[in-house]
Amino acid sequence: MNTATPRVFVAATQQNDGKTTAALGLFAALKKRLGRIGFIKPVGQRFVEVDGKRIDEDTILIDHTFDVHTPIEAMSPIAVEPDFTRRYIEHPNPDFFVRRIQHSFDRAAWEKDFIIIEGTGHAGVGSVFDLSNARVAHILESKVLLVTKGGIGKPIDEIALNKALFDQQGVEVIGVVLNKVLPEKFEQVSDFARRGLDRLGIDLLGVLPMEPTLANATLGQVCKQIKGHFINGEKSTRRRVHKVIIGAMNSAHVMSYFHPGTLIITPGDREDIILAALSTASVSEMDGKCIAGLVLSGDLLPHESVLDLLKQSAIPTIATAFDSYTAANCIYSMTVKTLPGDTDKIDTIQALVEKHVEVERLLEKLRGKGQPSSALSSP
């Protein structure tokens, strides 16, 4: 297996802490400094079909964003299907998967100056089939950058737990990036987290402030989450939702909530609210200055004449069988992933990592056995 190409394994203390955000931002930052960057996500849990192959969603995002010039299957060698774990327990074959990961890594690292390895979940995820993040980092002889949600006590406790698993595999955790730190607590959290991590012998290499736009879902994501379908505005799937309101009051009161970026959820037979929404947007207004959209709940639709007005309007409208409160709860609880083509979010992520992560210090800490100083020098 290739042991010469410099690498870093981006792990997290738990799922949805920001591994992909960190990996995407680091890719751009390292590309500026080192040149040709490779990527691999050895074990993926969320995948889509691409040319008959099961490819991890985050791999597709990285490849679409940066055009990595690596066979897509080499960047996503193992997809954990629904029955993967049961089949493995019945017929364990660890050597096969180790060889597959190593072979894929060699292909992903070919002619690259640096390679980012993205984990999945916390350090122990994958233990049931002998491919925990800690184990995979050991297999690929990589040091680890841990990502965790902002805070002081809980994140540091979780880092200690994860570090213990990496230590068990002989893998070095070189630093931590705190993600989603509230701006008003940024300085305080940065200071105390740094001091707390120092006591564990771990460096704080970055603190990323909470950026609301990264948590805003698109109408397309909302539609999928509430198992709905568009009855108007299918071309507005990338419009972002900044606020969600349940239209349960009378139409006169609900109009005070009609602001750009607001999604109104209302039973499909509340024609007074639907007509109020229509009155705020002209038929030709397609520039996003009206509300983000309407969700008609309860598997109900307005009178055909009102429905026709909706279809002619600039207001994207989604119908769902969920009642209003169930739909709202689904939207509030959803995990908003960055998707290929989300240029606004991708630009924001790259800027955040460039500004708030000590990339040069990260590279300094990666220098060592198997990662010579010359290999990590800027071209």
Protein backbone atom coordinates (compact mmCIF):
# COMPACT_ATOMS: atom_id res chain seq x y z
CA MET A 1 0.00 0.00 0.00
CA ASN A 2 1.07 3.59 -0.70
CA THR A 3 2.72 5.00 2.43
CA ALA A 4 4.40 8.01 0.82
CA THR A 5 1.50 10.31 -0.06
CA PRO A 6 0.71 12.65 2.87
CA ARG A 7 -2.76 12.12 4.30
CA VAL A 8 -5.17 13.03 7.07
CA PHE A 9 -8.18 11.12 8.35
CA VAL A 10 -11.10 13.45 9.15
CA ALA A 11 -13.22 11.85 11.86
CA ALA A 12 -15.91 13.11 14.22
CA THR A 13 -17.17 12.47 17.72
CA GLN A 14 -20.59 11.58 16.35
CA GLN A 15 -22.64 11.64 13.15
CA ASN A 16 -23.52 15.04 11.66
CA ASP A 17 -20.86 16.93 13.64
CA GLY A 18 -19.38 18.40 10.46
CA LYS A 19 -16.90 15.93 8.94
CA THR A 20 -17.98 16.69 5.40
CA THR A 21 -17.92 20.44 6.07
CA ALA A 22 -14.36 20.14 7.37
CA ALA A 23 -13.27 17.83 4.53
CA LEU A 24 -14.75 20.07 1.86
CA GLY A 25 -13.18 23.20 3.32
CA LEU A 26 -9.82 21.50 3.83
CA PHE A 27 -9.82 20.23 0.26
CA ALA A 28 -10.01 23.79 -1.05
CA ALA A 29 -7.47 25.12 1.47
CA LEU A 30 -4.95 22.35 0.79
CA LYS A 31 -5.42 22.60 -2.97
CA LYS A 32 -4.25 26.21 -2.77
CA ARG A 33 -1.17 25.21 -0.82
CA LEU A 34 -0.16 21.80 -2.13
CA GLY A 35 -1.66 21.25 -5.57
CA ARG A 36 -3.35 17.96 -6.47
CA ILE A 37 -5.58 16.72 -3.66
CA GLY A 38 -7.16 13.27 -3.53
CA PHE A 39 -10.16 12.04 -1.57
CA ILE A 40 -11.53 8.76 -0.29
CA LYS A 41 -14.37 7.77 2.02
CA PRO A 42 -13.52 4.12 2.69
CA VAL A 43 -16.83 3.24 4.38
CA GLY A 44 -20.06 5.05 3.49
CA GLN A 45 -23.49 4.68 5.05
CA ARG A 46 -25.52 7.00 2.79
CA PHE A 47 -25.18 6.18 -0.88
CA VAL A 48 -26.79 6.59 -4.28
CA GLU A 49 -26.57 4.54 -7.46
CA VAL A 50 -24.10 5.86 -10.04
CA ASP A 51 -23.72 3.78 -13.20
CA GLY A 52 -24.77 0.69 -11.28
CA LYS A 53 -22.32 1.35 -8.44
CA ARG A 54 -23.25 2.32 -4.87
CA ILE A 55 -21.37 5.56 -4.19
CA ASP A 56 -21.35 7.52 -0.93
CA GLU A 57 -23.17 10.87 -1.11
CA ASP A 58 -20.25 12.84 0.36
CA THR A 59 -17.91 11.38 -2.25
CA ILE A 60 -20.22 12.60 -4.99
CA LEU A 61 -20.26 16.08 -3.39
CA ILE A 62 -16.45 16.28 -3.29
CA ASP A 63 -16.03 14.95 -6.82
CA HIS A 64 -18.71 17.27 -8.24
CA THR A 65 -17.20 20.29 -6.47
CA PHE A 66 -13.52 19.71 -7.24
CA ASP A 67 -13.42 17.32 -10.21
CA VAL A 68 -10.94 15.05 -8.43
CA HIS A 69 -9.89 13.05 -11.52
CA THR A 70 -10.14 9.70 -9.75
CA PRO A 71 -12.50 6.82 -10.60
CA ILE A 72 -15.55 7.43 -8.42
CA GLU A 73 -15.63 3.81 -7.19
CA ALA A 74 -12.07 4.18 -5.89
CA MET A 75 -13.16 7.09 -3.69
CA SER A 76 -16.07 5.09 -2.24
CA PRO A 77 -15.03 1.43 -2.02
CA ILE A 78 -17.52 0.16 0.59
CA ALA A 79 -21.19 1.08 0.85
CA VAL A 80 -22.99 -0.26 3.90
CA GLU A 81 -26.28 -1.57 2.55
CA PRO A 82 -29.25 -2.37 4.84
CA ASP A 83 -28.31 -6.06 5.14
CA PHE A 84 -24.52 -5.53 5.04
CA THR A 85 -24.00 -6.08 8.79
CA ARG A 86 -26.12 -9.25 8.97
CA ARG A 87 -24.33 -10.76 5.99
CA TYR A 88 -20.94 -9.91 7.48
CA ILE A 89 -21.75 -11.46 10.86
CA GLU A 90 -22.87 -14.65 9.14
CA HIS A 91 -19.82 -14.75 6.85
CA PRO A 92 -17.04 -12.45 8.16
CA ASN A 93 -14.33 -11.66 5.63
CA PRO A 94 -12.18 -8.86 7.10
CA ASP A 95 -9.14 -9.51 4.91
CA PHE A 96 -11.18 -8.97 1.73
CA PHE A 97 -12.40 -5.55 2.86
CA VAL A 98 -8.97 -4.49 4.14
CA ARG A 99 -7.44 -5.29 0.75
CA ARG A 100 -10.28 -3.49 -1.00
CA ILE A 101 -9.73 -0.34 1.07
CA GLN A 102 -5.97 -0.43 0.53
CA HIS A 103 -6.31 -0.97 -3.20
CA SER A 104 -8.84 1.86 -3.48
CA PHE A 105 -6.58 4.14 -1.46
CA ASP A 106 -3.69 3.47 -3.85
CA ARG A 107 -5.91 4.44 -6.80
CA ALA A 108 -7.27 7.53 -5.03
CA ALA A 109 -3.76 8.66 -4.06
CA TRP A 110 -2.29 8.09 -7.54
CA GLU A 111 -0.46 11.23 -8.74
CA LYS A 112 -1.83 13.26 -5.82
CA ASP A 113 0.18 15.52 -3.54
CA PHE A 114 -2.08 14.94 -0.55
CA ILE A 115 -5.16 12.85 0.22
CA ILE A 116 -8.09 13.48 2.56
CA ILE A 117 -9.71 10.42 4.11
CA GLU A 118 -13.22 10.99 5.46
CA GLY A 119 -14.60 8.75 8.17
CA THR A 120 -18.20 7.95 9.02
CA GLY A 121 -19.66 8.67 12.45
CA HIS A 122 -17.62 8.38 15.64
CA ALA A 123 -14.41 6.39 16.12
CA GLY A 124 -16.25 3.15 16.89
CA VAL A 125 -18.71 3.17 13.99
CA GLY A 126 -18.12 0.08 11.85
CA SER A 127 -16.75 -2.05 14.70
CA VAL A 128 -19.51 -4.61 14.11
CA PHE A 129 -17.92 -5.49 10.77
CA ASP A 130 -14.29 -4.93 11.86
CA LEU A 131 -13.95 -1.59 10.07
CA SER A 132 -14.33 1.04 12.76
CA ASN A 133 -13.02 4.49 11.93
CA ALA A 134 -10.13 3.86 14.30
CA ARG A 135 -9.33 0.58 12.55
CA VAL A 136 -9.53 2.13 9.06
CA ALA A 137 -7.23 4.98 10.10
CA HIS A 138 -4.77 2.36 11.33
CA ILE A 139 -5.06 0.36 8.09
CA LEU A 140 -4.31 3.49 6.06
CA GLU A 141 -1.53 4.62 8.43
CA SER A 142 -3.08 8.04 8.86
CA LYS A 143 -3.14 10.60 11.62
CA VAL A 144 -6.54 11.95 12.63
CA LEU A 145 -8.24 15.33 12.78
CA LEU A 146 -11.34 15.17 15.00
CA VAL A 147 -14.40 17.34 14.36
CA THR A 148 -16.97 17.98 17.09
CA LYS A 149 -19.85 20.32 17.78
CA GLY A 150 -19.13 23.56 19.60
CA GLY A 151 -19.15 23.71 23.36
CA ILE A 152 -16.80 22.96 26.23
CA GLY A 153 -17.76 20.10 28.56
CA LYS A 154 -19.66 17.69 26.33
CA PRO A 155 -17.37 17.99 23.28
CA ILE A 156 -14.23 17.45 25.35
CA ASP A 157 -15.77 14.40 27.06
CA GLU A 158 -16.65 12.95 23.65
CA ILE A 159 -13.19 13.72 22.30
CA ALA A 160 -11.65 11.82 25.21
CA LEU A 161 -13.82 8.78 24.44
CA ASN A 162 -12.99 8.86 20.73
CA LYS A 163 -9.29 9.43 21.37
CA ALA A 164 -9.22 6.29 23.53
CA LEU A 165 -10.39 4.19 20.58
CA PHE A 166 -7.82 5.73 18.25
CA ASP A 167 -5.11 5.24 20.89
CA GLN A 168 -6.10 1.58 21.11
CA GLN A 169 -5.33 1.23 17.40
CA GLY A 170 -2.07 3.16 17.70
CA VAL A 171 -3.48 6.11 15.73
CA GLU A 172 -2.45 9.65 16.64
CA VAL A 173 -5.12 12.34 17.02
CA ILE A 174 -3.26 15.48 15.97
CA GLY A 175 -5.96 18.04 16.70
CA VAL A 176 -9.59 19.08 16.95
CA VAL A 177 -11.89 21.41 15.04
CA LEU A 178 -14.92 22.73 16.90
CA ASN A 179 -17.90 23.27 14.60
CA LYS A 180 -21.13 25.29 14.90
CA VAL A 181 -20.02 27.55 17.75
CA LEU A 182 -22.52 30.31 18.58
CA PRO A 183 -21.03 33.68 17.52
CA GLU A 184 -21.87 35.31 20.86
CA LYS A 185 -19.90 32.57 22.67
CA PHE A 186 -17.10 32.26 20.14
CA GLU A 187 -14.28 33.81 22.18
CA GLN A 188 -15.29 32.13 25.44
CA VAL A 189 -15.68 28.68 23.90
CA SER A 190 -12.43 29.00 21.96
CA ASP A 191 -10.50 29.95 25.10
CA PHE A 192 -11.88 27.32 27.48
CA ALA A 193 -12.00 24.53 24.91
CA ARG A 194 -8.35 25.17 24.04
CA ARG A 195 -7.38 25.00 27.71
CA GLY A 196 -9.51 21.91 28.30
CA LEU A 197 -8.02 20.10 25.32
CA ASP A 198 -4.51 21.04 26.41
CA ARG A 199 -5.15 18.98 29.53
CA LEU A 200 -5.77 15.96 27.27
CA GLY A 201 -2.66 16.71 25.24
CA ILE A 202 -4.69 17.64 22.14
CA ASP A 203 -4.37 20.82 20.08
CA LEU A 204 -7.35 22.93 19.07
CA LEU A 205 -6.70 23.62 15.38
CA GLY A 206 -9.87 25.43 14.47
CA VAL A 207 -13.16 26.89 15.67
CA LEU A 208 -15.92 27.37 13.10
CA PRO A 209 -18.72 29.77 14.03
CA MET A 210 -22.35 28.82 13.50
CA GLU A 211 -23.40 29.95 10.04
CA PRO A 212 -27.22 29.96 9.73
CA THR A 213 -27.20 29.63 5.95
CA LEU A 214 -25.56 26.20 6.23
CA ALA A 215 -28.54 24.93 8.23
CA ASN A 216 -31.18 26.25 5.83
CA ALA A 217 -32.85 23.49 3.83
CA THR A 218 -33.90 23.84 0.22
CA LEU A 219 -37.49 23.29 -0.89
CA GLY A 220 -36.35 20.11 -2.58
CA GLN A 221 -34.94 18.77 0.69
CA VAL A 222 -38.10 19.80 2.54
CA CYS A 223 -40.30 18.06 -0.04
CA LYS A 224 -38.33 14.84 0.34
CA GLN A 225 -38.36 15.07 4.15
CA ILE A 226 -42.14 15.40 4.39
CA LYS A 227 -42.76 12.84 1.62
CA GLY A 228 -44.54 15.46 -0.45
CA HIS A 229 -44.78 16.42 -4.09
CA PHE A 230 -44.69 19.74 -5.92
CA ILE A 231 -47.96 20.97 -7.38
CA ASN A 232 -46.23 24.17 -8.52
CA GLY A 233 -42.67 25.50 -8.67
CA GLU A 234 -40.74 22.31 -9.44
CA LYS A 235 -37.93 24.51 -10.78
CA SER A 236 -37.54 26.16 -7.36
CA THR A 237 -36.19 23.08 -5.57
CA ARG A 238 -32.97 24.95 -4.64
CA ARG A 239 -34.78 27.91 -3.08
CA ARG A 240 -33.74 28.13 0.58
CA VAL A 241 -36.06 28.14 3.58
CA HIS A 242 -35.02 30.54 6.33
CA LYS A 243 -38.07 30.24 8.58
CA VAL A 244 -41.05 27.90 8.97
CA ILE A 245 -44.48 29.10 10.11
CA ILE A 246 -47.65 27.09 10.69
CA GLY A 247 -50.58 29.05 9.30
CA ALA A 248 -53.13 28.23 11.99
CA MET A 249 -54.32 31.80 12.66
CA ASN A 250 -56.71 33.84 10.56
CA SER A 251 -55.53 35.24 7.24
CA ALA A 252 -55.21 38.81 8.52
CA HIS A 253 -52.72 37.75 11.17
CA VAL A 254 -50.77 35.27 9.06
CA MET A 255 -49.95 37.97 6.50
CA SER A 256 -47.61 39.62 9.01
CA TYR A 257 -45.37 36.53 8.65
CA PHE A 258 -45.14 36.72 4.86
CA HIS A 259 -41.44 37.55 4.46
CA PRO A 260 -38.84 36.41 1.92
CA GLY A 261 -37.51 32.98 2.86
CA THR A 262 -40.52 32.00 4.99
CA LEU A 263 -42.23 28.67 4.37
CA ILE A 264 -45.91 28.64 5.32
CA ILE A 265 -47.44 25.30 6.35
CA THR A 266 -51.23 25.25 6.28
CA PRO A 267 -54.02 22.70 5.79
CA GLY A 268 -54.81 22.42 2.10
CA ASP A 269 -58.39 23.57 2.63
CA ARG A 270 -57.46 26.86 4.31
CA GLU A 271 -58.27 28.86 1.20
CA ASP A 272 -58.20 32.15 3.12
CA ILE A 273 -54.48 31.68 3.93
CA ILE A 274 -53.68 30.46 0.42
CA LEU A 275 -55.42 33.47 -1.14
CA ALA A 276 -53.62 35.78 1.28
CA ALA A 277 -50.30 34.29 0.12
CA LEU A 278 -51.31 34.71 -3.51
CA SER A 279 -52.12 38.36 -2.92
CA THR A 280 -48.51 39.06 -1.89
CA ALA A 281 -46.89 37.67 -5.03
CA SER A 282 -47.52 38.57 -8.65
CA VAL A 283 -47.71 35.86 -11.27
CA SER A 284 -44.44 37.00 -12.84
CA GLU A 285 -42.42 37.36 -9.61
CA MET A 286 -39.90 34.58 -9.95
CA ASP A 287 -36.91 36.26 -8.32
CA GLY A 288 -37.42 34.79 -4.84
CA LYS A 289 -38.61 38.01 -3.19
CA CYS A 290 -41.93 36.46 -2.21
CA ILE A 291 -42.28 33.81 0.52
CA ALA A 292 -40.18 30.68 0.10
CA GLY A 293 -43.25 28.60 -0.54
CA LEU A 294 -46.39 26.92 0.74
CA VAL A 295 -46.89 23.44 2.17
CA LEU A 296 -50.46 22.20 1.93
CA SER A 297 -50.89 19.63 4.68
CA GLY A 298 -53.36 16.90 5.55
CA ASP A 299 -53.61 15.48 2.02
CA LEU A 300 -56.05 18.28 1.29
CA LEU A 301 -56.28 20.61 -1.70
CA PRO A 302 -58.21 23.88 -2.14
CA HIS A 303 -61.07 24.39 -4.53
CA GLU A 304 -60.06 23.86 -8.16
CA SER A 305 -60.28 27.57 -8.94
CA VAL A 306 -57.85 28.41 -6.11
CA LEU A 307 -55.60 25.54 -7.13
CA ASP A 308 -55.44 26.94 -10.66
CA LEU A 309 -54.37 30.32 -9.27
CA LEU A 310 -51.62 28.61 -7.28
CA LYS A 311 -50.34 26.78 -10.36
CA GLN A 312 -50.10 30.10 -12.23
CA SER A 313 -48.38 31.91 -9.38
CA ALA A 314 -44.72 32.37 -8.44
CA ILE A 315 -45.23 30.55 -5.13
CA PRO A 316 -43.73 27.03 -5.05
CA THR A 317 -46.31 24.75 -3.45
CA ILE A 318 -45.81 21.31 -1.93
CA ALA A 319 -48.61 18.92 -0.97
CA THR A 320 -48.11 16.36 1.81
CA ALA A 321 -50.25 13.81 3.61
CA PHE A 322 -48.70 14.87 6.93
CA ASP A 323 -50.70 17.17 9.17
CA SER A 324 -49.26 20.66 9.74
CA TYR A 325 -47.57 19.93 13.05
CA THR A 326 -46.03 16.64 11.89
CA ALA A 327 -44.70 18.35 8.75
CA ALA A 328 -43.24 21.21 10.80
CA ASN A 329 -41.62 18.80 13.25
CA CYS A 330 -40.07 16.82 10.38
CA ILE A 331 -38.61 20.00 8.91
CA TYR A 332 -37.27 21.27 12.25
CA SER A 333 -35.59 17.93 13.03
CA MET A 334 -34.05 17.28 9.61
CA THR A 335 -30.31 17.14 9.06
CA VAL A 336 -29.46 19.52 6.23
CA LYS A 337 -26.69 18.10 4.07
CA THR A 338 -24.63 20.09 1.58
CA LEU A 339 -25.50 18.91 -1.91
CA PRO A 340 -23.61 19.06 -5.22
CA GLY A 341 -24.40 22.40 -6.82
CA ASP A 342 -25.03 24.21 -3.51
CA THR A 343 -22.52 26.86 -4.58
CA ASP A 344 -23.57 29.39 -1.94
CA LYS A 345 -23.05 26.91 0.89
CA ILE A 346 -19.85 25.50 -0.60
CA ASP A 347 -18.35 28.99 -0.96
CA THR A 348 -19.31 29.75 2.64
CA ILE A 349 -17.75 26.54 3.94
CA GLN A 350 -14.49 27.15 2.09
CA ALA A 351 -14.28 30.70 3.43
CA LEU A 352 -14.99 29.55 7.01
CA VAL A 353 -12.30 26.86 6.97
CA GLU A 354 -9.75 29.14 5.33
CA LYS A 355 -10.34 31.81 7.97
CA HIS A 356 -10.83 29.75 11.12
CA VAL A 357 -8.74 26.57 10.73
CA GLU A 358 -4.98 26.71 11.24
CA VAL A 359 -4.13 24.86 8.05
CA GLU A 360 -0.39 25.55 8.21
CA ARG A 361 -0.27 24.24 11.77
CA LEU A 362 -2.21 21.17 10.69
CA LEU A 363 0.40 20.49 8.01
CA GLU A 364 3.20 20.97 10.52
CA LYS A 365 1.64 18.35 12.81
CA LEU A 366 1.24 15.92 9.92
CA ARG A 367 4.95 16.00 9.16
CA GLY A 368 6.65 12.93 10.51
CA LYS A 369 7.17 9.28 9.75
CA GLY A 370 5.87 8.44 6.31
CA GLN A 371 5.02 12.09 5.67
CA PRO A 372 8.31 13.89 5.02
CA SER A 373 8.52 17.63 5.35
CA SER A 374 9.31 18.02 1.66
CA ALA A 375 6.13 16.21 0.71
CA LEU A 376 4.05 18.72 2.62
CA SER A 377 5.73 21.81 1.25
CA SER A 378 3.84 24.15 -1.03
CA PRO A 379 4.60 23.62 -4.75
